[in-house]
Amino acid sequence: MKNREEIENLSFEALERIASDESVLVPEGLERKIEDGITAAGLIEPRKGRVPLRKVLYGSFATLAAAAAAVSVAYYVDRGSQPADTFSDPHQAYEEIQKTFDYISSEMNRGTSVLKQIK
């Protein structure tokens, strides 16, 4: 077995060769003990075991929204024709769009309030 000074004087290539040698048995739990020691020294953040449900739900919602957007784009591109204007007055069209956005906002707020209850 090498002493500390010999190990400190080894080249990087020699250390890599020793590390790749599978005949050397590594004690169980050594990696966790090393990580705990580094964490205790404040050099790295502790590893989190699980992903919070909130992140999973937001990720799922974002994936669902992206899929819905992709399907919508594919549908309108596939139709091949432009929709006709339904309002001759731009102010009336603007009011209708504002109503639509208000509805979407209220539905999104309702969805986020359910998520807040899950926390």
N, C-alpha and C. Protein backbone atom coordinates (compact mmCIF):
# COMPACT_ATOMS: atom_id res chain seq x y z
N MET A 1 0.84 -1.17 0.00
CA MET A 1 0.00 0.00 0.00
C MET A 1 0.89 1.24 0.00
N LYS A 2 0.50 2.23 -0.78
CA LYS A 2 1.28 3.45 -0.91
C LYS A 2 0.98 4.38 0.26
N ASN A 3 2.00 5.13 0.64
CA ASN A 3 1.76 6.10 1.69
C ASN A 3 1.27 7.41 1.07
N ARG A 4 0.94 8.32 1.90
CA ARG A 4 0.32 9.57 1.45
C ARG A 4 1.21 10.36 0.50
N GLU A 5 2.50 10.44 0.80
CA GLU A 5 3.41 11.20 -0.05
C GLU A 5 3.52 10.59 -1.44
N GLU A 6 3.56 9.27 -1.52
CA GLU A 6 3.65 8.60 -2.82
C GLU A 6 2.38 8.87 -3.64
N ILE A 7 1.23 8.84 -3.00
CA ILE A 7 -0.03 9.09 -3.71
C ILE A 7 -0.08 10.52 -4.20
N GLU A 8 0.36 11.47 -3.39
CA GLU A 8 0.33 12.87 -3.80
C GLU A 8 1.26 13.16 -4.97
N ASN A 9 2.32 12.37 -5.13
CA ASN A 9 3.27 12.58 -6.21
C ASN A 9 2.91 11.84 -7.49
N LEU A 10 1.84 11.07 -7.49
CA LEU A 10 1.44 10.33 -8.71
C LEU A 10 0.90 11.29 -9.76
N SER A 11 1.13 10.94 -11.02
CA SER A 11 0.60 11.76 -12.13
C SER A 11 -0.89 11.48 -12.29
N PHE A 12 -1.53 12.35 -13.04
CA PHE A 12 -2.96 12.19 -13.29
C PHE A 12 -3.23 10.88 -14.02
N GLU A 13 -2.38 10.52 -15.00
CA GLU A 13 -2.56 9.28 -15.75
C GLU A 13 -2.45 8.06 -14.84
N ALA A 14 -1.50 8.12 -13.91
CA ALA A 14 -1.34 7.00 -12.98
C ALA A 14 -2.56 6.87 -12.07
N LEU A 15 -3.08 8.00 -11.62
CA LEU A 15 -4.29 7.97 -10.78
C LEU A 15 -5.48 7.41 -11.57
N GLU A 16 -5.61 7.80 -12.84
CA GLU A 16 -6.69 7.26 -13.69
C GLU A 16 -6.55 5.76 -13.86
N ARG A 17 -5.33 5.28 -14.08
CA ARG A 17 -5.08 3.85 -14.26
C ARG A 17 -5.46 3.09 -12.99
N ILE A 18 -5.10 3.62 -11.84
CA ILE A 18 -5.45 2.97 -10.57
C ILE A 18 -6.97 2.98 -10.37
N ALA A 19 -7.61 4.09 -10.71
CA ALA A 19 -9.06 4.21 -10.51
C ALA A 19 -9.83 3.25 -11.42
N SER A 20 -9.28 2.96 -12.60
CA SER A 20 -10.00 2.07 -13.53
C SER A 20 -9.74 0.60 -13.24
N ASP A 21 -8.82 0.30 -12.31
CA ASP A 21 -8.51 -1.08 -11.94
C ASP A 21 -9.67 -1.65 -11.13
N GLU A 22 -10.38 -2.61 -11.72
CA GLU A 22 -11.58 -3.16 -11.07
C GLU A 22 -11.24 -4.26 -10.06
N SER A 23 -9.99 -4.66 -9.99
CA SER A 23 -9.62 -5.70 -9.03
C SER A 23 -9.57 -5.15 -7.60
N VAL A 24 -9.50 -3.83 -7.48
CA VAL A 24 -9.49 -3.21 -6.16
C VAL A 24 -10.93 -3.12 -5.66
N LEU A 25 -11.19 -3.68 -4.50
CA LEU A 25 -12.54 -3.65 -3.95
C LEU A 25 -12.79 -2.34 -3.23
N VAL A 26 -13.91 -1.71 -3.56
CA VAL A 26 -14.30 -0.45 -2.92
C VAL A 26 -15.36 -0.78 -1.87
N PRO A 27 -15.14 -0.34 -0.64
CA PRO A 27 -16.13 -0.63 0.42
C PRO A 27 -17.50 -0.05 0.09
N GLU A 28 -18.53 -0.78 0.49
CA GLU A 28 -19.89 -0.30 0.27
C GLU A 28 -20.12 0.98 1.04
N GLY A 29 -20.82 1.92 0.43
CA GLY A 29 -21.16 3.17 1.09
C GLY A 29 -20.05 4.20 1.10
N LEU A 30 -18.90 3.89 0.48
CA LEU A 30 -17.78 4.83 0.49
C LEU A 30 -18.14 6.10 -0.26
N GLU A 31 -18.81 5.95 -1.40
CA GLU A 31 -19.17 7.13 -2.19
C GLU A 31 -20.07 8.07 -1.36
N ARG A 32 -21.02 7.50 -0.65
CA ARG A 32 -21.92 8.31 0.18
C ARG A 32 -21.16 9.00 1.32
N LYS A 33 -20.21 8.28 1.93
CA LYS A 33 -19.42 8.88 3.01
C LYS A 33 -18.57 10.04 2.50
N ILE A 34 -17.99 9.86 1.31
CA ILE A 34 -17.18 10.93 0.73
C ILE A 34 -18.08 12.14 0.43
N GLU A 35 -19.24 11.87 -0.16
CA GLU A 35 -20.17 12.96 -0.47
C GLU A 35 -20.62 13.68 0.80
N ASP A 36 -20.89 12.93 1.86
CA ASP A 36 -21.28 13.54 3.13
C ASP A 36 -20.16 14.42 3.69
N GLY A 37 -18.93 13.95 3.58
CA GLY A 37 -17.80 14.74 4.06
C GLY A 37 -17.62 16.03 3.28
N ILE A 38 -17.77 15.95 1.96
CA ILE A 38 -17.64 17.15 1.12
C ILE A 38 -18.79 18.11 1.42
N THR A 39 -19.98 17.57 1.60
CA THR A 39 -21.14 18.40 1.93
C THR A 39 -20.94 19.09 3.27
N ALA A 40 -20.43 18.35 4.26
CA ALA A 40 -20.19 18.92 5.58
C ALA A 40 -19.15 20.04 5.52
N ALA A 41 -18.20 19.91 4.60
CA ALA A 41 -17.18 20.95 4.46
C ALA A 41 -17.73 22.18 3.75
N GLY A 42 -18.94 22.06 3.23
CA GLY A 42 -19.58 23.20 2.58
C GLY A 42 -19.14 23.41 1.15
N LEU A 43 -18.55 22.39 0.54
CA LEU A 43 -18.06 22.54 -0.83
C LEU A 43 -19.12 22.25 -1.88
N ILE A 44 -20.11 21.43 -1.53
CA ILE A 44 -21.21 21.15 -2.44
C ILE A 44 -22.52 21.20 -1.67
N GLU A 45 -23.61 21.31 -2.41
CA GLU A 45 -24.95 21.29 -1.80
C GLU A 45 -25.36 19.84 -1.55
N PRO A 46 -26.11 19.58 -0.50
CA PRO A 46 -26.58 18.20 -0.27
C PRO A 46 -27.50 17.75 -1.39
N ARG A 47 -27.44 16.48 -1.69
CA ARG A 47 -28.26 15.90 -2.75
C ARG A 47 -29.69 15.75 -2.26
N LYS A 48 -30.62 16.13 -3.08
CA LYS A 48 -32.03 15.98 -2.74
C LYS A 48 -32.48 14.59 -3.21
N GLY A 49 -33.25 13.93 -2.37
CA GLY A 49 -33.68 12.58 -2.69
C GLY A 49 -34.80 12.52 -3.69
N ARG A 50 -35.79 13.38 -3.54
CA ARG A 50 -36.97 13.29 -4.39
C ARG A 50 -37.25 14.64 -5.03
N VAL A 51 -37.94 14.58 -6.17
CA VAL A 51 -38.37 15.80 -6.85
C VAL A 51 -39.72 16.19 -6.24
N PRO A 52 -39.89 17.45 -5.83
CA PRO A 52 -41.16 17.86 -5.24
C PRO A 52 -42.33 17.68 -6.22
N LEU A 53 -43.47 17.34 -5.68
CA LEU A 53 -44.67 17.12 -6.49
C LEU A 53 -45.02 18.35 -7.31
N ARG A 54 -44.78 19.53 -6.74
CA ARG A 54 -45.09 20.78 -7.42
C ARG A 54 -44.32 20.87 -8.74
N LYS A 55 -43.04 20.51 -8.73
CA LYS A 55 -42.24 20.57 -9.94
C LYS A 55 -42.74 19.56 -10.97
N VAL A 56 -43.15 18.40 -10.50
CA VAL A 56 -43.67 17.38 -11.41
C VAL A 56 -44.96 17.87 -12.05
N LEU A 57 -45.83 18.49 -11.25
CA LEU A 57 -47.09 18.99 -11.79
C LEU A 57 -46.88 20.12 -12.79
N TYR A 58 -45.98 21.06 -12.45
CA TYR A 58 -45.69 22.15 -13.38
C TYR A 58 -45.08 21.61 -14.67
N GLY A 59 -44.18 20.65 -14.54
CA GLY A 59 -43.57 20.04 -15.72
C GLY A 59 -44.60 19.34 -16.58
N SER A 60 -45.52 18.63 -15.94
CA SER A 60 -46.58 17.93 -16.67
C SER A 60 -47.49 18.93 -17.37
N PHE A 61 -47.82 20.01 -16.67
CA PHE A 61 -48.68 21.03 -17.26
C PHE A 61 -48.00 21.69 -18.46
N ALA A 62 -46.72 21.98 -18.33
CA ALA A 62 -45.98 22.60 -19.43
C ALA A 62 -45.91 21.67 -20.63
N THR A 63 -45.70 20.39 -20.39
CA THR A 63 -45.67 19.41 -21.48
C THR A 63 -47.02 19.32 -22.16
N LEU A 64 -48.08 19.30 -21.38
CA LEU A 64 -49.42 19.24 -21.93
C LEU A 64 -49.72 20.49 -22.76
N ALA A 65 -49.35 21.66 -22.27
CA ALA A 65 -49.57 22.91 -23.00
C ALA A 65 -48.79 22.92 -24.31
N ALA A 66 -47.55 22.44 -24.28
CA ALA A 66 -46.74 22.40 -25.50
C ALA A 66 -47.34 21.43 -26.52
N ALA A 67 -47.84 20.30 -26.05
CA ALA A 67 -48.47 19.33 -26.95
C ALA A 67 -49.74 19.92 -27.56
N ALA A 68 -50.55 20.61 -26.75
CA ALA A 68 -51.77 21.23 -27.26
C ALA A 68 -51.43 22.30 -28.30
N ALA A 69 -50.39 23.07 -28.05
CA ALA A 69 -49.98 24.10 -29.02
C ALA A 69 -49.52 23.45 -30.32
N ALA A 70 -48.77 22.36 -30.22
CA ALA A 70 -48.28 21.68 -31.42
C ALA A 70 -49.45 21.11 -32.24
N VAL A 71 -50.42 20.52 -31.55
CA VAL A 71 -51.59 19.97 -32.25
C VAL A 71 -52.39 21.10 -32.90
N SER A 72 -52.54 22.22 -32.21
CA SER A 72 -53.27 23.35 -32.78
C SER A 72 -52.59 23.88 -34.02
N VAL A 73 -51.28 24.04 -33.96
CA VAL A 73 -50.54 24.53 -35.13
C VAL A 73 -50.66 23.55 -36.29
N ALA A 74 -50.53 22.27 -35.98
CA ALA A 74 -50.64 21.26 -37.04
C ALA A 74 -52.04 21.28 -37.67
N TYR A 75 -53.05 21.48 -36.85
CA TYR A 75 -54.42 21.52 -37.37
C TYR A 75 -54.62 22.70 -38.31
N TYR A 76 -54.18 23.88 -37.91
CA TYR A 76 -54.38 25.07 -38.74
C TYR A 76 -53.50 25.07 -39.98
N VAL A 77 -52.30 24.52 -39.88
CA VAL A 77 -51.45 24.42 -41.07
C VAL A 77 -52.05 23.43 -42.04
N ASP A 78 -52.61 22.35 -41.52
CA ASP A 78 -53.18 21.31 -42.36
C ASP A 78 -54.45 21.78 -43.06
N ARG A 79 -55.18 22.70 -42.45
CA ARG A 79 -56.43 23.18 -43.07
C ARG A 79 -56.16 23.86 -44.40
N GLY A 80 -55.06 24.56 -44.48
CA GLY A 80 -54.67 25.16 -45.75
C GLY A 80 -55.39 26.45 -46.11
N SER A 81 -56.34 26.88 -45.33
CA SER A 81 -57.05 28.11 -45.66
C SER A 81 -57.01 29.05 -44.46
N GLN A 82 -57.06 30.31 -44.74
CA GLN A 82 -57.07 31.31 -43.68
C GLN A 82 -58.50 31.52 -43.19
N PRO A 83 -58.69 31.63 -41.89
CA PRO A 83 -60.05 31.89 -41.40
C PRO A 83 -60.48 33.31 -41.79
N ALA A 84 -61.74 33.45 -42.09
CA ALA A 84 -62.28 34.76 -42.47
C ALA A 84 -62.48 35.61 -41.22
N ASP A 85 -62.35 36.93 -41.37
CA ASP A 85 -62.61 37.83 -40.26
C ASP A 85 -64.10 37.78 -39.92
N THR A 86 -64.39 37.78 -38.62
CA THR A 86 -65.79 37.72 -38.21
C THR A 86 -66.29 39.06 -37.70
N PHE A 87 -65.38 40.02 -37.54
CA PHE A 87 -65.77 41.34 -37.05
C PHE A 87 -65.35 42.40 -38.07
N SER A 88 -66.25 43.27 -38.37
CA SER A 88 -65.89 44.36 -39.27
C SER A 88 -65.35 45.56 -38.48
N ASP A 89 -65.72 45.63 -37.21
CA ASP A 89 -65.27 46.73 -36.35
C ASP A 89 -64.09 46.25 -35.50
N PRO A 90 -62.91 46.87 -35.62
CA PRO A 90 -61.74 46.43 -34.85
C PRO A 90 -61.94 46.54 -33.34
N HIS A 91 -62.70 47.53 -32.88
CA HIS A 91 -62.95 47.68 -31.44
C HIS A 91 -63.76 46.52 -30.90
N GLN A 92 -64.73 46.07 -31.67
CA GLN A 92 -65.55 44.93 -31.26
C GLN A 92 -64.67 43.66 -31.22
N ALA A 93 -63.77 43.49 -32.19
CA ALA A 93 -62.87 42.34 -32.21
C ALA A 93 -61.95 42.38 -30.98
N TYR A 94 -61.44 43.57 -30.66
CA TYR A 94 -60.57 43.72 -29.50
C TYR A 94 -61.29 43.34 -28.21
N GLU A 95 -62.56 43.78 -28.06
CA GLU A 95 -63.33 43.44 -26.87
C GLU A 95 -63.53 41.93 -26.75
N GLU A 96 -63.77 41.29 -27.89
CA GLU A 96 -63.96 39.83 -27.88
C GLU A 96 -62.66 39.12 -27.47
N ILE A 97 -61.55 39.60 -27.97
CA ILE A 97 -60.26 39.01 -27.59
C ILE A 97 -60.01 39.22 -26.10
N GLN A 98 -60.34 40.40 -25.60
CA GLN A 98 -60.16 40.69 -24.18
C GLN A 98 -61.00 39.74 -23.33
N LYS A 99 -62.23 39.46 -23.75
CA LYS A 99 -63.08 38.51 -23.02
C LYS A 99 -62.44 37.12 -23.01
N THR A 100 -61.89 36.74 -24.15
CA THR A 100 -61.26 35.42 -24.26
C THR A 100 -60.06 35.33 -23.33
N PHE A 101 -59.21 36.36 -23.33
CA PHE A 101 -58.05 36.35 -22.46
C PHE A 101 -58.45 36.38 -20.98
N ASP A 102 -59.49 37.08 -20.64
CA ASP A 102 -59.98 37.09 -19.25
C ASP A 102 -60.43 35.70 -18.83
N TYR A 103 -61.12 35.00 -19.74
CA TYR A 103 -61.58 33.64 -19.45
C TYR A 103 -60.38 32.72 -19.24
N ILE A 104 -59.39 32.81 -20.13
CA ILE A 104 -58.21 31.96 -20.00
C ILE A 104 -57.50 32.25 -18.69
N SER A 105 -57.39 33.52 -18.33
CA SER A 105 -56.73 33.91 -17.09
C SER A 105 -57.46 33.34 -15.87
N SER A 106 -58.78 33.42 -15.88
CA SER A 106 -59.54 32.90 -14.73
C SER A 106 -59.37 31.39 -14.61
N GLU A 107 -59.31 30.68 -15.74
CA GLU A 107 -59.12 29.23 -15.69
C GLU A 107 -57.73 28.89 -15.18
N MET A 108 -56.73 29.66 -15.62
CA MET A 108 -55.36 29.41 -15.15
C MET A 108 -55.26 29.67 -13.65
N ASN A 109 -55.90 30.74 -13.18
CA ASN A 109 -55.87 31.06 -11.74
C ASN A 109 -56.55 29.96 -10.94
N ARG A 110 -57.62 29.41 -11.48
CA ARG A 110 -58.30 28.33 -10.79
C ARG A 110 -57.40 27.11 -10.70
N GLY A 111 -56.66 26.82 -11.78
CA GLY A 111 -55.74 25.69 -11.78
C GLY A 111 -54.59 25.87 -10.81
N THR A 112 -54.06 27.08 -10.72
CA THR A 112 -52.94 27.31 -9.79
C THR A 112 -53.41 27.29 -8.34
N SER A 113 -54.66 27.68 -8.09
CA SER A 113 -55.16 27.63 -6.71
C SER A 113 -55.25 26.18 -6.24
N VAL A 114 -55.57 25.26 -7.15
CA VAL A 114 -55.60 23.84 -6.79
C VAL A 114 -54.20 23.37 -6.45
N LEU A 115 -53.20 23.83 -7.21
CA LEU A 115 -51.81 23.45 -6.94
C LEU A 115 -51.33 23.98 -5.59
N LYS A 116 -51.77 25.20 -5.23
CA LYS A 116 -51.37 25.76 -3.95
C LYS A 116 -51.90 24.93 -2.78
N GLN A 117 -53.06 24.33 -2.96
CA GLN A 117 -53.63 23.49 -1.91
C GLN A 117 -52.82 22.21 -1.74
N ILE A 118 -52.17 21.76 -2.82
CA ILE A 118 -51.38 20.52 -2.76
C ILE A 118 -50.12 20.71 -1.93
N LYS A 119 -49.54 21.92 -1.98
CA LYS A 119 -48.32 22.19 -1.21
C LYS A 119 -48.52 21.75 0.19
